Protein backbone atom coordinates (compact mmCIF):
# COMPACT_ATOMS: atom_id res chain seq x y z
CA MET A 1 9.62 -15.48 11.29
CA ARG A 2 7.09 -12.70 11.80
CA CYS A 3 4.62 -12.98 14.69
CA LEU A 4 1.72 -11.09 16.15
CA LEU A 5 1.15 -11.15 19.90
CA ILE A 6 -2.23 -9.90 21.10
CA TYR A 7 -3.70 -9.82 24.56
CA ASP A 8 -6.71 -8.76 26.57
CA ILE A 9 -5.78 -8.41 30.24
CA PRO A 10 -7.79 -6.42 32.79
CA ASP A 11 -4.94 -6.03 35.34
CA ASP A 12 -2.99 -2.83 34.53
CA ARG A 13 0.19 -3.99 36.28
CA ILE A 14 0.38 -7.30 34.41
CA ARG A 15 -0.58 -5.66 31.11
CA THR A 16 2.29 -3.18 31.50
CA LYS A 17 4.78 -5.94 32.34
CA ILE A 18 3.71 -7.93 29.29
CA ALA A 19 4.13 -4.88 27.07
CA ASP A 20 7.64 -4.39 28.48
CA VAL A 21 8.54 -8.03 27.75
CA CYS A 22 7.30 -7.64 24.16
CA LEU A 23 9.47 -4.55 23.73
CA ASP A 24 12.45 -6.40 25.27
CA TYR A 25 12.08 -9.02 22.52
CA GLY A 26 12.22 -6.31 19.88
CA LEU A 27 8.54 -6.37 18.96
CA ASP A 28 6.84 -3.19 17.76
CA ARG A 29 3.55 -2.00 19.20
CA VAL A 30 0.88 -1.97 16.49
CA GLN A 31 -2.13 -1.41 18.78
CA PHE A 32 -2.49 -0.81 22.51
CA SER A 33 -2.51 -4.55 23.23
CA ALA A 34 -0.88 -5.89 20.07
CA PHE A 35 2.78 -6.28 19.13
CA SER A 36 4.47 -7.64 16.02
CA GLY A 37 8.01 -8.45 15.08
CA ASP A 38 10.39 -10.76 13.31
CA ILE A 39 11.79 -13.29 15.81
CA SER A 40 12.69 -16.96 15.53
CA ARG A 41 10.21 -19.67 16.44
CA ASN A 42 12.32 -20.55 19.50
CA LEU A 43 12.20 -16.95 20.72
CA GLN A 44 8.45 -16.85 20.05
CA GLU A 45 8.00 -19.86 22.32
CA GLU A 46 10.27 -18.32 24.97
CA LEU A 47 8.35 -15.03 24.79
CA PHE A 48 5.02 -16.84 25.10
CA LEU A 49 6.24 -18.71 28.18
CA LYS A 50 7.39 -15.47 29.84
CA VAL A 51 4.11 -13.75 29.07
CA THR A 52 1.96 -16.63 30.30
CA ASP A 53 4.09 -16.90 33.46
CA LEU A 54 3.36 -13.22 34.15
CA LEU A 55 -0.35 -13.79 33.64
CA ALA A 56 -0.28 -17.00 35.72
CA LYS A 57 -3.83 -17.77 36.83
CA LYS A 58 -5.14 -14.21 36.59
CA ALA A 59 -7.91 -13.32 34.14
CA GLY A 60 -6.78 -12.65 30.61
CA ASN A 61 -6.25 -13.90 27.09
CA VAL A 62 -2.91 -13.99 25.27
CA GLN A 63 -2.44 -15.20 21.70
CA LEU A 64 0.77 -15.46 19.69
CA LEU A 65 0.23 -15.95 15.98
CA PRO A 66 3.14 -16.83 13.69
CA ILE A 67 2.68 -15.20 10.29
CA CYS A 68 4.53 -16.21 7.14
CA GLY A 69 6.33 -13.52 5.16
CA LYS A 70 3.92 -13.71 2.22
CA ASP A 71 0.87 -13.17 4.41
CA TRP A 72 2.59 -10.33 6.28
CA VAL A 73 3.45 -8.53 3.03
CA ASN A 74 -0.15 -8.94 1.81
CA ARG A 75 -1.74 -7.48 4.95
CA LEU A 76 -3.82 -4.36 4.57
CA VAL A 77 -2.96 -1.36 6.72
CA TYR A 78 -4.60 2.03 6.98
CA GLU A 79 -3.41 4.52 9.58
CA VAL A 80 -4.38 8.12 10.16
CA ILE A 81 -2.84 10.36 12.80
CA GLY A 82 -4.65 13.65 13.14
CA GLU A 83 -5.84 14.40 9.64
CA GLN A 84 -2.79 13.04 7.83
CA LYS A 85 -3.04 9.63 6.19
CA LEU A 86 0.27 7.86 6.88
CA VAL A 87 0.05 4.32 5.55
CA THR A 88 -2.17 2.49 3.14
CA SER A 89 -1.35 -0.94 1.81
CA ASP A 90 -3.97 -0.99 -0.90
CA GLU A 91 -2.88 2.04 -2.94
């Protein structure tokens, strides 16, 4: 099942550790503080527990959103790097 994990964490050290955990679970970075990937619901729950344990009682917001395949395929994406348009979902 596809998921999107997003976070807003002011502590650089914790933010970096959370990014590393997301990468360890095979998620892809889609924004600076957003990762997505296709992992089972059990692994999503495990990932969320690890991330929230890292955050503990420090300031921050972490959200893990499961996304069904149909909704993921229908998402709209537009990405430009430099002056070259790389991806558009609505063409």
